[in-house]
Amino acid sequence: MRHKVGLRDGVDADRIREVDGDARAMIDQLVEVADRVDRRESANVRLELERFLDEWCSAAAAAEASGRRLHFASTVDDDARLLRDFWKGSHGVPTMRSMRNVDRQGEVYVLGTPKRSRK
């Protein structure tokens, strides 16, 4: 979402309030897709995305009030970052960054992969 609404730099997270309308329009688009895939989940998708956007706007306001910039990610565990790795730190929204973070018991296959190459 961040790139779609023009927040490309690591310190652009604090500009979310400038593009709030665009971000909410993107939520509408994502909810439409969820509705086509599984109508039962679309309301939950909207709730989760809107909750995240509200947290993001609050974090941006808090950073601004303290004279700091809100970063998308940072190696420093403080309030000035929006996202953190799922398994470490305490400030920021826990985020899985790669397929290695997927539950190891879950099986994920790439379409077209021969069965013999699957474990």
PDB file of N, CA and C in Angstrom:
ATOM      1  N   MET A   1       0.828  -1.182   0.000  1.00  0.00           N
ATOM      2  CA  MET A   1       0.000   0.000   0.000  1.00  0.00           C
ATOM      3  C   MET A   1       0.874   1.247   0.000  1.00  0.00           C
ATOM      4  N   ARG A   2       1.943   1.242   0.791  1.00  0.00           N
ATOM      5  CA  ARG A   2       2.731   2.472   0.951  1.00  0.00           C
ATOM      6  C   ARG A   2       3.259   2.989  -0.376  1.00  0.00           C
ATOM      7  N   HIS A   3       3.727   2.104  -1.232  1.00  0.00           N
ATOM      8  CA  HIS A   3       4.274   2.540  -2.515  1.00  0.00           C
ATOM      9  C   HIS A   3       3.170   3.069  -3.435  1.00  0.00           C
ATOM     10  N   LYS A   4       2.026   2.446  -3.377  1.00  0.00           N
ATOM     11  CA  LYS A   4       0.891   2.857  -4.219  1.00  0.00           C
ATOM     12  C   LYS A   4       0.443   4.285  -3.899  1.00  0.00           C
ATOM     13  N   VAL A   5       0.531   4.667  -2.626  1.00  0.00           N
ATOM     14  CA  VAL A   5       0.087   6.014  -2.233  1.00  0.00           C
ATOM     15  C   VAL A   5       1.245   7.014  -2.167  1.00  0.00           C
ATOM     16  N   GLY A   6       2.437   6.598  -2.656  1.00  0.00           N
ATOM     17  CA  GLY A   6       3.547   7.526  -2.778  1.00  0.00           C
ATOM     18  C   GLY A   6       4.475   7.640  -1.586  1.00  0.00           C
ATOM     19  N   LEU A   7       4.407   6.712  -0.663  1.00  0.00           N
ATOM     20  CA  LEU A   7       5.278   6.750   0.520  1.00  0.00           C
ATOM     21  C   LEU A   7       6.443   5.787   0.300  1.00  0.00           C
ATOM     22  N   ARG A   8       7.417   6.214  -0.457  1.00  0.00           N
ATOM     23  CA  ARG A   8       8.477   5.309  -0.916  1.00  0.00           C
ATOM     24  C   ARG A   8       9.697   5.264  -0.007  1.00  0.00           C
ATOM     25  N   ASP A   9      10.045   6.370   0.640  1.00  0.00           N
ATOM     26  CA  ASP A   9      11.235   6.400   1.479  1.00  0.00           C
ATOM     27  C   ASP A   9      10.948   5.816   2.859  1.00  0.00           C
ATOM     28  N   GLY A  10      11.991   5.324   3.505  1.00  0.00           N
ATOM     29  CA  GLY A  10      11.843   4.701   4.817  1.00  0.00           C
ATOM     30  C   GLY A  10      11.284   5.626   5.886  1.00  0.00           C
ATOM     31  N   VAL A  11      11.474   6.934   5.704  1.00  0.00           N
ATOM     32  CA  VAL A  11      10.966   7.897   6.687  1.00  0.00           C
ATOM     33  C   VAL A  11       9.649   8.533   6.253  1.00  0.00           C
ATOM     34  N   ASP A  12       9.043   8.014   5.205  1.00  0.00           N
ATOM     35  CA  ASP A  12       7.767   8.558   4.736  1.00  0.00           C
ATOM     36  C   ASP A  12       6.570   8.056   5.546  1.00  0.00           C
ATOM     37  N   ALA A  13       6.789   7.145   6.469  1.00  0.00           N
ATOM     38  CA  ALA A  13       5.668   6.591   7.235  1.00  0.00           C
ATOM     39  C   ALA A  13       4.898   7.679   7.979  1.00  0.00           C
ATOM     40  N   ASP A  14       5.588   8.748   8.350  1.00  0.00           N
ATOM     41  CA  ASP A  14       4.900   9.808   9.090  1.00  0.00           C
ATOM     42  C   ASP A  14       4.029  10.693   8.200  1.00  0.00           C
ATOM     43  N   ARG A  15       4.048  10.463   6.896  1.00  0.00           N
ATOM     44  CA  ARG A  15       3.224  11.243   5.973  1.00  0.00           C
ATOM     45  C   ARG A  15       1.875  10.589   5.667  1.00  0.00           C
ATOM     46  N   ILE A  16       1.531   9.516   6.354  1.00  0.00           N
ATOM     47  CA  ILE A  16       0.309   8.762   6.046  1.00  0.00           C
ATOM     48  C   ILE A  16      -0.933   9.638   6.133  1.00  0.00           C
ATOM     49  N   ARG A  17      -0.958  10.590   7.042  1.00  0.00           N
ATOM     50  CA  ARG A  17      -2.151  11.431   7.185  1.00  0.00           C
ATOM     51  C   ARG A  17      -2.374  12.314   5.969  1.00  0.00           C
ATOM     52  N   GLU A  18      -1.319  12.588   5.210  1.00  0.00           N
ATOM     53  CA  GLU A  18      -1.445  13.390   3.987  1.00  0.00           C
ATOM     54  C   GLU A  18      -2.159  12.606   2.881  1.00  0.00           C
ATOM     55  N   VAL A  19      -2.072  11.301   2.933  1.00  0.00           N
ATOM     56  CA  VAL A  19      -2.640  10.448   1.877  1.00  0.00           C
ATOM     57  C   VAL A  19      -3.706   9.506   2.439  1.00  0.00           C
ATOM     58  N   ASP A  20      -4.292   9.884   3.555  1.00  0.00           N
ATOM     59  CA  ASP A  20      -5.282   9.032   4.226  1.00  0.00           C
ATOM     60  C   ASP A  20      -6.427   8.640   3.289  1.00  0.00           C
ATOM     61  N   GLY A  21      -6.921   9.583   2.493  1.00  0.00           N
ATOM     62  CA  GLY A  21      -8.014   9.291   1.565  1.00  0.00           C
ATOM     63  C   GLY A  21      -7.626   8.243   0.530  1.00  0.00           C
ATOM     64  N   ASP A  22      -6.415   8.354  -0.004  1.00  0.00           N
ATOM     65  CA  ASP A  22      -5.928   7.371  -0.969  1.00  0.00           C
ATOM     66  C   ASP A  22      -5.763   5.998  -0.309  1.00  0.00           C
ATOM     67  N   ALA A  23      -5.275   5.998   0.916  1.00  0.00           N
ATOM     68  CA  ALA A  23      -5.096   4.730   1.636  1.00  0.00           C
ATOM     69  C   ALA A  23      -6.442   4.064   1.902  1.00  0.00           C
ATOM     70  N   ARG A  24      -7.437   4.848   2.269  1.00  0.00           N
ATOM     71  CA  ARG A  24      -8.773   4.284   2.526  1.00  0.00           C
ATOM     72  C   ARG A  24      -9.408   3.779   1.222  1.00  0.00           C
ATOM     73  N   ALA A  25      -9.146   4.459   0.112  1.00  0.00           N
ATOM     74  CA  ALA A  25      -9.641   3.975  -1.188  1.00  0.00           C
ATOM     75  C   ALA A  25      -8.982   2.642  -1.539  1.00  0.00           C
ATOM     76  N   MET A  26      -7.716   2.504  -1.194  1.00  0.00           N
ATOM     77  CA  MET A  26      -7.033   1.247  -1.452  1.00  0.00           C
ATOM     78  C   MET A  26      -7.610   0.132  -0.574  1.00  0.00           C
ATOM     79  N   ILE A  27      -7.959   0.453   0.653  1.00  0.00           N
ATOM     80  CA  ILE A  27      -8.624  -0.534   1.509  1.00  0.00           C
ATOM     81  C   ILE A  27      -9.914  -0.996   0.847  1.00  0.00           C
ATOM     82  N   ASP A  28     -10.683  -0.061   0.294  1.00  0.00           N
ATOM     83  CA  ASP A  28     -11.924  -0.434  -0.405  1.00  0.00           C
ATOM     84  C   ASP A  28     -11.643  -1.424  -1.529  1.00  0.00           C
ATOM     85  N   GLN A  29     -10.573  -1.169  -2.283  1.00  0.00           N
ATOM     86  CA  GLN A  29     -10.214  -2.071  -3.383  1.00  0.00           C
ATOM     87  C   GLN A  29      -9.836  -3.462  -2.864  1.00  0.00           C
ATOM     88  N   LEU A  30      -9.065  -3.508  -1.799  1.00  0.00           N
ATOM     89  CA  LEU A  30      -8.660  -4.796  -1.231  1.00  0.00           C
ATOM     90  C   LEU A  30      -9.860  -5.565  -0.669  1.00  0.00           C
ATOM     91  N   VAL A  31     -10.781  -4.845  -0.070  1.00  0.00           N
ATOM     92  CA  VAL A  31     -11.982  -5.488   0.462  1.00  0.00           C
ATOM     93  C   VAL A  31     -12.840  -6.044  -0.673  1.00  0.00           C
ATOM     94  N   GLU A  32     -12.899  -5.343  -1.807  1.00  0.00           N
ATOM     95  CA  GLU A  32     -13.632  -5.862  -2.973  1.00  0.00           C
ATOM     96  C   GLU A  32     -13.044  -7.193  -3.443  1.00  0.00           C
ATOM     97  N   VAL A  33     -11.716  -7.280  -3.457  1.00  0.00           N
ATOM     98  CA  VAL A  33     -11.062  -8.534  -3.842  1.00  0.00           C
ATOM     99  C   VAL A  33     -11.389  -9.623  -2.817  1.00  0.00           C
ATOM    100  N   ALA A  34     -11.283  -9.302  -1.542  1.00  0.00           N
ATOM    101  CA  ALA A  34     -11.596 -10.281  -0.497  1.00  0.00           C
ATOM    102  C   ALA A  34     -13.038 -10.747  -0.610  1.00  0.00           C
ATOM    103  N   ASP A  35     -13.922  -9.840  -0.948  1.00  0.00           N
ATOM    104  CA  ASP A  35     -15.333 -10.182  -1.089  1.00  0.00           C
ATOM    105  C   ASP A  35     -15.553 -11.172  -2.234  1.00  0.00           C
ATOM    106  N   ARG A  36     -14.801 -11.011  -3.315  1.00  0.00           N
ATOM    107  CA  ARG A  36     -14.909 -11.950  -4.437  1.00  0.00           C
ATOM    108  C   ARG A  36     -14.339 -13.320  -4.077  1.00  0.00           C
ATOM    109  N   VAL A  37     -13.299 -13.327  -3.259  1.00  0.00           N
ATOM    110  CA  VAL A  37     -12.644 -14.587  -2.888  1.00  0.00           C
ATOM    111  C   VAL A  37     -13.445 -15.325  -1.823  1.00  0.00           C
ATOM    112  N   ASP A  38     -13.860 -14.611  -0.773  1.00  0.00           N
ATOM    113  CA  ASP A  38     -14.606 -15.233   0.328  1.00  0.00           C
ATOM    114  C   ASP A  38     -15.438 -14.159   1.020  1.00  0.00           C
ATOM    115  N   ARG A  39     -16.674 -14.047   0.600  1.00  0.00           N
ATOM    116  CA  ARG A  39     -17.584 -13.008   1.109  1.00  0.00           C
ATOM    117  C   ARG A  39     -17.653 -13.005   2.643  1.00  0.00           C
ATOM    118  N   ARG A  40     -17.511 -14.171   3.257  1.00  0.00           N
ATOM    119  CA  ARG A  40     -17.592 -14.251   4.720  1.00  0.00           C
ATOM    120  C   ARG A  40     -16.449 -13.514   5.407  1.00  0.00           C
ATOM    121  N   GLU A  41     -15.341 -13.328   4.728  1.00  0.00           N
ATOM    122  CA  GLU A  41     -14.160 -12.711   5.334  1.00  0.00           C
ATOM    123  C   GLU A  41     -14.003 -11.228   5.031  1.00  0.00           C
ATOM    124  N   SER A  42     -14.771 -10.707   4.097  1.00  0.00           N
ATOM    125  CA  SER A  42     -14.540  -9.324   3.666  1.00  0.00           C
ATOM    126  C   SER A  42     -14.721  -8.304   4.793  1.00  0.00           C
ATOM    127  N   ALA A  43     -15.682  -8.508   5.666  1.00  0.00           N
ATOM    128  CA  ALA A  43     -15.873  -7.571   6.787  1.00  0.00           C
ATOM    129  C   ALA A  43     -14.671  -7.604   7.728  1.00  0.00           C
ATOM    130  N   ASN A  44     -14.129  -8.801   7.971  1.00  0.00           N
ATOM    131  CA  ASN A  44     -12.942  -8.914   8.826  1.00  0.00           C
ATOM    132  C   ASN A  44     -11.717  -8.287   8.175  1.00  0.00           C
ATOM    133  N   VAL A  45     -11.603  -8.436   6.862  1.00  0.00           N
ATOM    134  CA  VAL A  45     -10.497  -7.821   6.133  1.00  0.00           C
ATOM    135  C   VAL A  45     -10.573  -6.302   6.296  1.00  0.00           C
ATOM    136  N   ARG A  46     -11.756  -5.737   6.101  1.00  0.00           N
ATOM    137  CA  ARG A  46     -11.926  -4.286   6.262  1.00  0.00           C
ATOM    138  C   ARG A  46     -11.561  -3.853   7.677  1.00  0.00           C
ATOM    139  N   LEU A  47     -12.064  -4.561   8.665  1.00  0.00           N
ATOM    140  CA  LEU A  47     -11.803  -4.215  10.060  1.00  0.00           C
ATOM    141  C   LEU A  47     -10.302  -4.234  10.356  1.00  0.00           C
ATOM    142  N   GLU A  48      -9.622  -5.272   9.921  1.00  0.00           N
ATOM    143  CA  GLU A  48      -8.187  -5.398  10.179  1.00  0.00           C
ATOM    144  C   GLU A  48      -7.384  -4.303   9.479  1.00  0.00           C
ATOM    145  N   LEU A  49      -7.691  -4.036   8.222  1.00  0.00           N
ATOM    146  CA  LEU A  49      -6.967  -3.003   7.482  1.00  0.00           C
ATOM    147  C   LEU A  49      -7.234  -1.607   8.037  1.00  0.00           C
ATOM    148  N   GLU A  50      -8.475  -1.330   8.391  1.00  0.00           N
ATOM    149  CA  GLU A  50      -8.790  -0.022   8.966  1.00  0.00           C
ATOM    150  C   GLU A  50      -8.155   0.146  10.339  1.00  0.00           C
ATOM    151  N   ARG A  51      -8.120  -0.913  11.111  1.00  0.00           N
ATOM    152  CA  ARG A  51      -7.467  -0.866  12.428  1.00  0.00           C
ATOM    153  C   ARG A  51      -5.972  -0.557  12.251  1.00  0.00           C
ATOM    154  N   PHE A  52      -5.342  -1.236  11.280  1.00  0.00           N
ATOM    155  CA  PHE A  52      -3.925  -0.977  11.035  1.00  0.00           C
ATOM    156  C   PHE A  52      -3.696   0.466  10.589  1.00  0.00           C
ATOM    157  N   LEU A  53      -4.523   0.959   9.680  1.00  0.00           N
ATOM    158  CA  LEU A  53      -4.366   2.330   9.203  1.00  0.00           C
ATOM    159  C   LEU A  53      -4.562   3.327  10.343  1.00  0.00           C
ATOM    160  N   ASP A  54      -5.530   3.081  11.222  1.00  0.00           N
ATOM    161  CA  ASP A  54      -5.741   3.964  12.369  1.00  0.00           C
ATOM    162  C   ASP A  54      -4.529   3.950  13.300  1.00  0.00           C
ATOM    163  N   GLU A  55      -3.951   2.762  13.545  1.00  0.00           N
ATOM    164  CA  GLU A  55      -2.741   2.666  14.371  1.00  0.00           C
ATOM    165  C   GLU A  55      -1.597   3.433  13.715  1.00  0.00           C
ATOM    166  N   TRP A  56      -1.495   3.310  12.403  1.00  0.00           N
ATOM    167  CA  TRP A  56      -0.443   3.992  11.653  1.00  0.00           C
ATOM    168  C   TRP A  56      -0.587   5.506  11.803  1.00  0.00           C
ATOM    169  N   CYS A  57      -1.802   6.019  11.627  1.00  0.00           N
ATOM    170  CA  CYS A  57      -2.039   7.462  11.766  1.00  0.00           C
ATOM    171  C   CYS A  57      -1.732   7.936  13.185  1.00  0.00           C
ATOM    172  N   SER A  58      -2.098   7.132  14.180  1.00  0.00           N
ATOM    173  CA  SER A  58      -1.809   7.480  15.579  1.00  0.00           C
ATOM    174  C   SER A  58      -0.309   7.500  15.845  1.00  0.00           C
ATOM    175  N   ALA A  59       0.413   6.517  15.307  1.00  0.00           N
ATOM    176  CA  ALA A  59       1.862   6.465  15.491  1.00  0.00           C
ATOM    177  C   ALA A  59       2.529   7.672  14.823  1.00  0.00           C
ATOM    178  N   ALA A  60       2.024   8.072  13.665  1.00  0.00           N
ATOM    179  CA  ALA A  60       2.573   9.244  12.970  1.00  0.00           C
ATOM    180  C   ALA A  60       2.336  10.511  13.785  1.00  0.00           C
ATOM    181  N   ALA A  61       1.147  10.633  14.358  1.00  0.00           N
ATOM    182  CA  ALA A  61       0.831  11.803  15.179  1.00  0.00           C
ATOM    183  C   ALA A  61       1.694  11.838  16.435  1.00  0.00           C
ATOM    184  N   ALA A  62       1.898  10.674  17.059  1.00  0.00           N
ATOM    185  CA  ALA A  62       2.724  10.603  18.267  1.00  0.00           C
ATOM    186  C   ALA A  62       4.173  10.952  17.957  1.00  0.00           C
ATOM    187  N   ALA A  63       4.679  10.468  16.843  1.00  0.00           N
ATOM    188  CA  ALA A  63       6.056  10.779  16.461  1.00  0.00           C
ATOM    189  C   ALA A  63       6.204  12.281  16.213  1.00  0.00           C
ATOM    190  N   GLU A  64       5.239  12.848  15.513  1.00  0.00           N
ATOM    191  CA  GLU A  64       5.282  14.286  15.232  1.00  0.00           C
ATOM    192  C   GLU A  64       5.230  15.093  16.528  1.00  0.00           C
ATOM    193  N   ALA A  65       4.383  14.683  17.459  1.00  0.00           N
ATOM    194  CA  ALA A  65       4.240  15.399  18.729  1.00  0.00           C
ATOM    195  C   ALA A  65       5.541  15.372  19.540  1.00  0.00           C
ATOM    196  N   SER A  66       6.331  14.312  19.352  1.00  0.00           N
ATOM    197  CA  SER A  66       7.590  14.214  20.085  1.00  0.00           C
ATOM    198  C   SER A  66       8.776  14.744  19.274  1.00  0.00           C
ATOM    199  N   GLY A  67       8.476  15.339  18.097  1.00  0.00           N
ATOM    200  CA  GLY A  67       9.524  15.924  17.280  1.00  0.00           C
ATOM    201  C   GLY A  67      10.370  14.903  16.535  1.00  0.00           C
ATOM    202  N   ARG A  68       9.811  13.725  16.288  1.00  0.00           N
ATOM    203  CA  ARG A  68      10.552  12.661  15.616  1.00  0.00           C
ATOM    204  C   ARG A  68       9.879  12.299  14.303  1.00  0.00           C
ATOM    205  N   ARG A  69      10.583  11.532  13.482  1.00  0.00           N
ATOM    206  CA  ARG A  69      10.030  11.009  12.234  1.00  0.00           C
ATOM    207  C   ARG A  69       9.643   9.562  12.469  1.00  0.00           C
ATOM    208  N   LEU A  70       8.539   9.145  11.880  1.00  0.00           N
ATOM    209  CA  LEU A  70       8.123   7.747  11.958  1.00  0.00           C
ATOM    210  C   LEU A  70       8.727   7.005  10.779  1.00  0.00           C
ATOM    211  N   HIS A  71       9.516   5.991  11.070  1.00  0.00           N
ATOM    212  CA  HIS A  71      10.149   5.163  10.040  1.00  0.00           C
ATOM    213  C   HIS A  71       9.278   3.936   9.794  1.00  0.00           C
ATOM    214  N   PHE A  72       9.331   3.404   8.582  1.00  0.00           N
ATOM    215  CA  PHE A  72       8.620   2.149   8.328  1.00  0.00           C
ATOM    216  C   PHE A  72       9.246   1.031   9.138  1.00  0.00           C
ATOM    217  N   ALA A  73      10.548   0.968   9.145  1.00  0.00           N
ATOM    218  CA  ALA A  73      11.256  -0.056   9.906  1.00  0.00           C
ATOM    219  C   ALA A  73      12.545   0.563  10.418  1.00  0.00           C
ATOM    220  N   SER A  74      13.041   0.023  11.504  1.00  0.00           N
ATOM    221  CA  SER A  74      14.269   0.523  12.097  1.00  0.00           C
ATOM    222  C   SER A  74      14.898  -0.608  12.891  1.00  0.00           C
ATOM    223  N   THR A  75      16.200  -0.594  12.992  1.00  0.00           N
ATOM    224  CA  THR A  75      16.870  -1.611  13.810  1.00  0.00           C
ATOM    225  C   THR A  75      16.849  -1.239  15.285  1.00  0.00           C
ATOM    226  N   VAL A  76      16.429  -0.022  15.591  1.00  0.00           N
ATOM    227  CA  VAL A  76      16.350   0.446  16.971  1.00  0.00           C
ATOM    228  C   VAL A  76      14.935   0.184  17.489  1.00  0.00           C
ATOM    229  N   ASP A  77      14.836  -0.445  18.655  1.00  0.00           N
ATOM    230  CA  ASP A  77      13.524  -0.770  19.222  1.00  0.00           C
ATOM    231  C   ASP A  77      12.982   0.439  19.978  1.00  0.00           C
ATOM    232  N   ASP A  78      12.313   1.309  19.236  1.00  0.00           N
ATOM    233  CA  ASP A  78      11.702   2.464  19.890  1.00  0.00           C
ATOM    234  C   ASP A  78      10.363   2.785  19.235  1.00  0.00           C
ATOM    235  N   ASP A  79       9.716   3.799  19.727  1.00  0.00           N
ATOM    236  CA  ASP A  79       8.381   4.148  19.235  1.00  0.00           C
ATOM    237  C   ASP A  79       8.376   4.753  17.842  1.00  0.00           C
ATOM    238  N   ALA A  80       9.530   5.058  17.278  1.00  0.00           N
ATOM    239  CA  ALA A  80       9.584   5.768  16.007  1.00  0.00           C
ATOM    240  C   ALA A  80       9.571   4.837  14.801  1.00  0.00           C
ATOM    241  N   ARG A  81       9.123   3.612  14.953  1.00  0.00           N
ATOM    242  CA  ARG A  81       9.031   2.715  13.805  1.00  0.00           C
ATOM    243  C   ARG A  81       7.630   2.128  13.724  1.00  0.00           C
ATOM    244  N   LEU A  82       7.166   1.972  12.510  1.00  0.00           N
ATOM    245  CA  LEU A  82       5.829   1.427  12.286  1.00  0.00           C
ATOM    246  C   LEU A  82       5.836  -0.095  12.355  1.00  0.00           C
ATOM    247  N   LEU A  83       6.853  -0.724  11.780  1.00  0.00           N
ATOM    248  CA  LEU A  83       6.904  -2.179  11.674  1.00  0.00           C
ATOM    249  C   LEU A  83       8.094  -2.743  12.433  1.00  0.00           C
ATOM    250  N   ARG A  84       7.949  -3.950  12.920  1.00  0.00           N
ATOM    251  CA  ARG A  84       9.063  -4.670  13.540  1.00  0.00           C
ATOM    252  C   ARG A  84       9.003  -6.116  13.094  1.00  0.00           C
ATOM    253  N   ASP A  85      10.139  -6.796  13.176  1.00  0.00           N
ATOM    254  CA  ASP A  85      10.138  -8.217  12.873  1.00  0.00           C
ATOM    255  C   ASP A  85       9.213  -8.926  13.854  1.00  0.00           C
ATOM    256  N   PHE A  86       8.531  -9.931  13.376  1.00  0.00           N
ATOM    257  CA  PHE A  86       7.494 -10.614  14.145  1.00  0.00           C
ATOM    258  C   PHE A  86       8.001 -11.157  15.475  1.00  0.00           C
ATOM    259  N   TRP A  87       9.223 -11.637  15.491  1.00  0.00           N
ATOM    260  CA  TRP A  87       9.731 -12.358  16.647  1.00  0.00           C
ATOM    261  C   TRP A  87      10.583 -11.526  17.596  1.00  0.00           C
ATOM    262  N   LYS A  88      10.818 -10.240  17.297  1.00  0.00           N
ATOM    263  CA  LYS A  88      11.686  -9.485  18.194  1.00  0.00           C
ATOM    264  C   LYS A  88      11.205  -8.052  18.360  1.00  0.00           C
ATOM    265  N   GLY A  89      11.670  -7.450  19.433  1.00  0.00           N
ATOM    266  CA  GLY A  89      11.323  -6.065  19.710  1.00  0.00           C
ATOM    267  C   GLY A  89       9.952  -5.937  20.342  1.00  0.00           C
ATOM    268  N   SER A  90       9.646  -4.726  20.754  1.00  0.00           N
ATOM    269  CA  SER A  90       8.353  -4.497  21.391  1.00  0.00           C
ATOM    270  C   SER A  90       7.605  -3.318  20.786  1.00  0.00           C
ATOM    271  N   HIS A  91       8.272  -2.473  20.024  1.00  0.00           N
ATOM    272  CA  HIS A  91       7.626  -1.318  19.417  1.00  0.00           C
ATOM    273  C   HIS A  91       7.433  -1.552  17.923  1.00  0.00           C
ATOM    274  N   GLY A  92       6.266  -1.242  17.438  1.00  0.00           N
ATOM    275  CA  GLY A  92       5.945  -1.438  16.027  1.00  0.00           C
ATOM    276  C   GLY A  92       5.019  -2.624  15.848  1.00  0.00           C
ATOM    277  N   VAL A  93       4.374  -2.658  14.717  1.00  0.00           N
ATOM    278  CA  VAL A  93       3.439  -3.742  14.395  1.00  0.00           C
ATOM    279  C   VAL A  93       4.250  -4.975  13.985  1.00  0.00           C
ATOM    280  N   PRO A  94       4.017  -6.122  14.646  1.00  0.00           N
ATOM    281  CA  PRO A  94       4.765  -7.331  14.278  1.00  0.00           C
ATOM    282  C   PRO A  94       4.485  -7.732  12.835  1.00  0.00           C
ATOM    283  N   THR A  95       5.556  -7.956  12.075  1.00  0.00           N
ATOM    284  CA  THR A  95       5.436  -8.184  10.640  1.00  0.00           C
ATOM    285  C   THR A  95       6.300  -9.365  10.210  1.00  0.00           C
ATOM    286  N   MET A  96       5.695 -10.299   9.476  1.00  0.00           N
ATOM    287  CA  MET A  96       6.469 -11.384   8.886  1.00  0.00           C
ATOM    288  C   MET A  96       7.005 -10.884   7.562  1.00  0.00           C
ATOM    289  N   ARG A  97       8.292 -11.043   7.345  1.00  0.00           N
ATOM    290  CA  ARG A  97       8.930 -10.451   6.175  1.00  0.00           C
ATOM    291  C   ARG A  97       9.316 -11.454   5.098  1.00  0.00           C
ATOM    292  N   SER A  98       9.186 -12.730   5.361  1.00  0.00           N
ATOM    293  CA  SER A  98       9.544 -13.696   4.328  1.00  0.00           C
ATOM    294  C   SER A  98       8.779 -14.991   4.555  1.00  0.00           C
ATOM    295  N   MET A  99       8.822 -15.867   3.578  1.00  0.00           N
ATOM    296  CA  MET A  99       8.140 -17.163   3.704  1.00  0.00           C
ATOM    297  C   MET A  99       8.771 -18.010   4.802  1.00  0.00           C
ATOM    298  N   ARG A 100       9.985 -17.683   5.228  1.00  0.00           N
ATOM    299  CA  ARG A 100      10.599 -18.429   6.336  1.00  0.00           C
ATOM    300  C   ARG A 100       9.824 -18.214   7.619  1.00  0.00           C
ATOM    301  N   ASN A 101       9.019 -17.139   7.691  1.00  0.00           N
ATOM    302  CA  ASN A 101       8.244 -16.862   8.889  1.00  0.00           C
ATOM    303  C   ASN A 101       6.901 -17.580   8.904  1.00  0.00           C
ATOM    304  N   VAL A 102       6.583 -18.306   7.860  1.00  0.00           N
ATOM    305  CA  VAL A 102       5.326 -19.043   7.796  1.00  0.00           C
ATOM    306  C   VAL A 102       5.444 -20.273   8.689  1.00  0.00           C
ATOM    307  N   ASP A 103       4.374 -20.656   9.318  1.00  0.00           N
ATOM    308  CA  ASP A 103       4.357 -21.831  10.180  1.00  0.00           C
ATOM    309  C   ASP A 103       5.012 -23.004   9.469  1.00  0.00           C
ATOM    310  N   ARG A 104       5.998 -23.603  10.094  1.00  0.00           N
ATOM    311  CA  ARG A 104       6.738 -24.690   9.455  1.00  0.00           C
ATOM    312  C   ARG A 104       5.881 -25.917   9.207  1.00  0.00           C
ATOM    313  N   GLN A 105       4.774 -26.040   9.908  1.00  0.00           N
ATOM    314  CA  GLN A 105       3.905 -27.188   9.699  1.00  0.00           C
ATOM    315  C   GLN A 105       3.005 -26.998   8.490  1.00  0.00           C
ATOM    316  N   GLY A 106       2.871 -25.761   8.031  1.00  0.00           N
ATOM    317  CA  GLY A 106       2.051 -25.487   6.865  1.00  0.00           C
ATOM    318  C   GLY A 106       2.816 -25.848   5.603  1.00  0.00           C
ATOM    319  N   GLU A 107       2.154 -26.486   4.683  1.00  0.00           N
ATOM    320  CA  GLU A 107       2.799 -26.866   3.437  1.00  0.00           C
ATOM    321  C   GLU A 107       2.416 -25.875   2.350  1.00  0.00           C
ATOM    322  N   VAL A 108       3.425 -25.340   1.702  1.00  0.00           N
ATOM    323  CA  VAL A 108       3.217 -24.400   0.613  1.00  0.00           C
ATOM    324  C   VAL A 108       3.923 -24.963  -0.612  1.00  0.00           C
ATOM    325  N   TYR A 109       3.191 -25.121  -1.697  1.00  0.00           N
ATOM    326  CA  TYR A 109       3.757 -25.636  -2.935  1.00  0.00           C
ATOM    327  C   TYR A 109       3.600 -24.604  -4.032  1.00  0.00           C
ATOM    328  N   VAL A 110       4.613 -24.506  -4.846  1.00  0.00           N
ATOM    329  CA  VAL A 110       4.550 -23.627  -6.003  1.00  0.00           C
ATOM    330  C   VAL A 110       3.875 -24.409  -7.118  1.00  0.00           C
ATOM    331  N   LEU A 111       2.846 -23.811  -7.724  1.00  0.00           N
ATOM    332  CA  LEU A 111       2.160 -24.489  -8.814  1.00  0.00           C
ATOM    333  C   LEU A 111       3.151 -24.837  -9.913  1.00  0.00           C
ATOM    334  N   GLY A 112       3.043 -26.042 -10.409  1.00  0.00           N
ATOM    335  CA  GLY A 112       3.936 -26.482 -11.463  1.00  0.00           C
ATOM    336  C   GLY A 112       5.160 -27.218 -10.944  1.00  0.00           C
ATOM    337  N   THR A 113       5.341 -27.261  -9.619  1.00  0.00           N
ATOM    338  CA  THR A 113       6.475 -27.985  -9.048  1.00  0.00           C
ATOM    339  C   THR A 113       6.204 -29.474  -9.136  1.00  0.00           C
ATOM    340  N   PRO A 114       7.128 -30.247  -9.692  1.00  0.00           N
ATOM    341  CA  PRO A 114       6.911 -31.688  -9.773  1.00  0.00           C
ATOM    342  C   PRO A 114       6.767 -32.302  -8.379  1.00  0.00           C
ATOM    343  N   LYS A 115       5.895 -33.282  -8.228  1.00  0.00           N
ATOM    344  CA  LYS A 115       5.658 -33.896  -6.927  1.00  0.00           C
ATOM    345  C   LYS A 115       6.915 -34.494  -6.330  1.00  0.00           C
ATOM    346  N   ARG A 116       7.801 -35.002  -7.138  1.00  0.00           N
ATOM    347  CA  ARG A 116       8.991 -35.648  -6.614  1.00  0.00           C
ATOM    348  C   ARG A 116       9.920 -34.659  -5.906  1.00  0.00           C
ATOM    349  N   SER A 117       9.819 -33.352  -6.231  1.00  0.00           N
ATOM    350  CA  SER A 117      10.678 -32.384  -5.582  1.00  0.00           C
ATOM    351  C   SER A 117      10.072 -31.864  -4.274  1.00  0.00           C
ATOM    352  N   ARG A 118       8.855 -32.279  -3.967  1.00  0.00           N
ATOM    353  CA  ARG A 118       8.212 -31.889  -2.699  1.00  0.00           C
ATOM    354  C   ARG A 118       8.637 -32.844  -1.622  1.00  0.00           C
ATOM    355  N   LYS A 119       8.775 -32.333  -0.422  1.00  0.00           N
ATOM    356  CA  LYS A 119       9.152 -33.199   0.704  1.00  0.00           C
ATOM    357  C   LYS A 119       7.976 -34.012   1.175  1.00  0.00           C
TER     358      LYS A 119
END
